[in-house]
Amino acid sequence: MRNSNNQFVTGQTVNIRDTGEEVTILKWQYVKNMKRYSYIVKEHPGTFYFEEELQGQ
């Protein structure tokens, strides 16, 4: 995989900024037309979050 500038990696535990809920990154991808990264978390696999909606611990 090429070098990426995403803030979080698969398996990392982070918090959702709005709720403070602790979640684990399941998958991430770069959304080219929006020029930012999206993340799917293990606890809510039907929802995606952008980098600015999450914070590291």
N, C-alpha and C. Protein backbone atom coordinates (compact mmCIF):
# COMPACT_ATOMS: atom_id res chain seq x y z
N MET A 1 0.84 -1.18 0.00
CA MET A 1 0.00 0.00 0.00
C MET A 1 0.89 1.24 0.00
N ARG A 2 0.46 2.26 -0.69
CA ARG A 2 1.25 3.49 -0.75
C ARG A 2 1.17 4.25 0.56
N ASN A 3 2.08 5.18 0.73
CA ASN A 3 2.04 6.01 1.94
C ASN A 3 0.76 6.83 1.93
N SER A 4 0.15 6.95 3.07
CA SER A 4 -1.07 7.73 3.16
C SER A 4 -0.95 8.73 4.31
N ASN A 5 -1.78 9.72 4.27
CA ASN A 5 -1.75 10.76 5.29
C ASN A 5 -2.94 10.67 6.23
N ASN A 6 -3.57 9.49 6.25
CA ASN A 6 -4.71 9.37 7.15
C ASN A 6 -4.24 9.35 8.60
N GLN A 7 -5.12 9.81 9.47
CA GLN A 7 -4.77 9.99 10.88
C GLN A 7 -4.90 8.70 11.68
N PHE A 8 -5.80 7.81 11.29
CA PHE A 8 -6.06 6.59 12.05
C PHE A 8 -5.83 5.36 11.19
N VAL A 9 -5.56 4.22 11.85
CA VAL A 9 -5.29 2.98 11.14
C VAL A 9 -6.26 1.89 11.61
N THR A 10 -6.41 0.85 10.81
CA THR A 10 -7.28 -0.27 11.14
C THR A 10 -6.87 -0.88 12.48
N GLY A 11 -7.85 -1.13 13.34
CA GLY A 11 -7.59 -1.71 14.65
C GLY A 11 -7.35 -0.70 15.75
N GLN A 12 -7.18 0.55 15.40
CA GLN A 12 -6.92 1.60 16.39
C GLN A 12 -8.20 1.95 17.14
N THR A 13 -8.10 2.20 18.43
CA THR A 13 -9.23 2.63 19.24
C THR A 13 -9.25 4.15 19.29
N VAL A 14 -10.40 4.74 18.97
CA VAL A 14 -10.57 6.19 18.95
C VAL A 14 -11.90 6.53 19.61
N ASN A 15 -12.18 7.82 19.76
CA ASN A 15 -13.45 8.28 20.31
C ASN A 15 -14.22 9.06 19.25
N ILE A 16 -15.54 8.92 19.27
CA ILE A 16 -16.40 9.75 18.43
C ILE A 16 -16.53 11.09 19.15
N ARG A 17 -16.19 12.18 18.48
CA ARG A 17 -16.16 13.50 19.12
C ARG A 17 -17.50 13.90 19.74
N ASP A 18 -18.60 13.71 19.03
CA ASP A 18 -19.91 14.16 19.52
C ASP A 18 -20.39 13.42 20.75
N THR A 19 -20.13 12.12 20.82
CA THR A 19 -20.69 11.31 21.91
C THR A 19 -19.64 10.88 22.93
N GLY A 20 -18.37 10.88 22.55
CA GLY A 20 -17.32 10.42 23.44
C GLY A 20 -17.20 8.90 23.46
N GLU A 21 -18.01 8.21 22.66
CA GLU A 21 -18.00 6.75 22.62
C GLU A 21 -16.68 6.23 22.09
N GLU A 22 -16.15 5.21 22.75
CA GLU A 22 -14.91 4.58 22.32
C GLU A 22 -15.24 3.53 21.27
N VAL A 23 -14.59 3.61 20.11
CA VAL A 23 -14.84 2.69 19.00
C VAL A 23 -13.52 2.23 18.40
N THR A 24 -13.58 1.17 17.59
CA THR A 24 -12.40 0.61 16.95
C THR A 24 -12.53 0.75 15.44
N ILE A 25 -11.49 1.26 14.78
CA ILE A 25 -11.50 1.43 13.33
C ILE A 25 -11.52 0.05 12.67
N LEU A 26 -12.52 -0.18 11.82
CA LEU A 26 -12.65 -1.44 11.11
C LEU A 26 -12.05 -1.33 9.71
N LYS A 27 -12.31 -0.18 9.06
CA LYS A 27 -11.84 0.01 7.68
C LYS A 27 -11.77 1.51 7.41
N TRP A 28 -10.84 1.90 6.56
CA TRP A 28 -10.75 3.30 6.14
C TRP A 28 -10.54 3.37 4.65
N GLN A 29 -10.89 4.52 4.07
CA GLN A 29 -10.65 4.74 2.65
C GLN A 29 -10.58 6.23 2.36
N TYR A 30 -9.91 6.56 1.27
CA TYR A 30 -9.80 7.94 0.84
C TYR A 30 -10.93 8.23 -0.13
N VAL A 31 -11.71 9.27 0.14
CA VAL A 31 -12.80 9.67 -0.74
C VAL A 31 -12.25 10.76 -1.64
N LYS A 32 -11.92 10.37 -2.86
CA LYS A 32 -11.19 11.23 -3.78
C LYS A 32 -11.92 12.53 -4.09
N ASN A 33 -13.23 12.45 -4.42
CA ASN A 33 -13.94 13.67 -4.81
C ASN A 33 -14.15 14.63 -3.64
N MET A 34 -14.07 14.14 -2.40
CA MET A 34 -14.19 15.01 -1.23
C MET A 34 -12.83 15.34 -0.63
N LYS A 35 -11.79 14.66 -1.12
CA LYS A 35 -10.42 14.89 -0.68
C LYS A 35 -10.25 14.74 0.83
N ARG A 36 -10.83 13.66 1.38
CA ARG A 36 -10.66 13.37 2.79
C ARG A 36 -10.90 11.88 3.04
N TYR A 37 -10.55 11.44 4.24
CA TYR A 37 -10.64 10.03 4.60
C TYR A 37 -11.95 9.74 5.33
N SER A 38 -12.52 8.57 5.04
CA SER A 38 -13.69 8.12 5.80
C SER A 38 -13.33 6.82 6.50
N TYR A 39 -14.02 6.58 7.61
CA TYR A 39 -13.73 5.42 8.45
C TYR A 39 -15.02 4.69 8.80
N ILE A 40 -14.97 3.38 8.81
CA ILE A 40 -16.06 2.55 9.30
C ILE A 40 -15.56 1.94 10.61
N VAL A 41 -16.39 2.01 11.63
CA VAL A 41 -15.99 1.50 12.94
C VAL A 41 -16.71 0.20 13.25
N LYS A 42 -16.07 -0.64 14.01
CA LYS A 42 -16.57 -1.97 14.35
C LYS A 42 -17.93 -1.93 15.04
N GLU A 43 -18.13 -0.97 15.90
CA GLU A 43 -19.35 -0.88 16.70
C GLU A 43 -20.56 -0.39 15.90
N HIS A 44 -20.34 0.32 14.80
CA HIS A 44 -21.41 0.85 13.95
C HIS A 44 -21.06 0.62 12.48
N PRO A 45 -21.07 -0.63 12.02
CA PRO A 45 -20.58 -0.92 10.67
C PRO A 45 -21.43 -0.34 9.53
N GLY A 46 -22.63 0.10 9.81
CA GLY A 46 -23.48 0.69 8.78
C GLY A 46 -23.30 2.19 8.63
N THR A 47 -22.44 2.78 9.43
CA THR A 47 -22.23 4.23 9.44
C THR A 47 -20.76 4.52 9.17
N PHE A 48 -20.49 5.59 8.44
CA PHE A 48 -19.09 5.98 8.26
C PHE A 48 -18.88 7.34 8.90
N TYR A 49 -17.65 7.59 9.27
CA TYR A 49 -17.27 8.84 9.91
C TYR A 49 -16.09 9.44 9.16
N PHE A 50 -16.05 10.76 9.09
CA PHE A 50 -14.89 11.43 8.53
C PHE A 50 -13.88 11.68 9.65
N GLU A 51 -12.65 11.90 9.25
CA GLU A 51 -11.55 12.08 10.20
C GLU A 51 -11.84 13.12 11.28
N GLU A 52 -12.46 14.23 10.88
CA GLU A 52 -12.71 15.30 11.84
C GLU A 52 -13.81 14.96 12.85
N GLU A 53 -14.53 13.85 12.63
CA GLU A 53 -15.56 13.42 13.58
C GLU A 53 -15.00 12.46 14.64
N LEU A 54 -13.74 12.08 14.49
CA LEU A 54 -13.10 11.15 15.42
C LEU A 54 -11.91 11.82 16.08
N GLN A 55 -11.53 11.32 17.24
CA GLN A 55 -10.31 11.81 17.89
C GLN A 55 -9.56 10.65 18.52
N GLY A 56 -8.26 10.71 18.41
CA GLY A 56 -7.40 9.68 18.98
C GLY A 56 -7.38 9.76 20.50
N GLN A 57 -6.90 8.70 21.11
CA GLN A 57 -6.87 8.67 22.58
C GLN A 57 -5.52 9.06 23.10
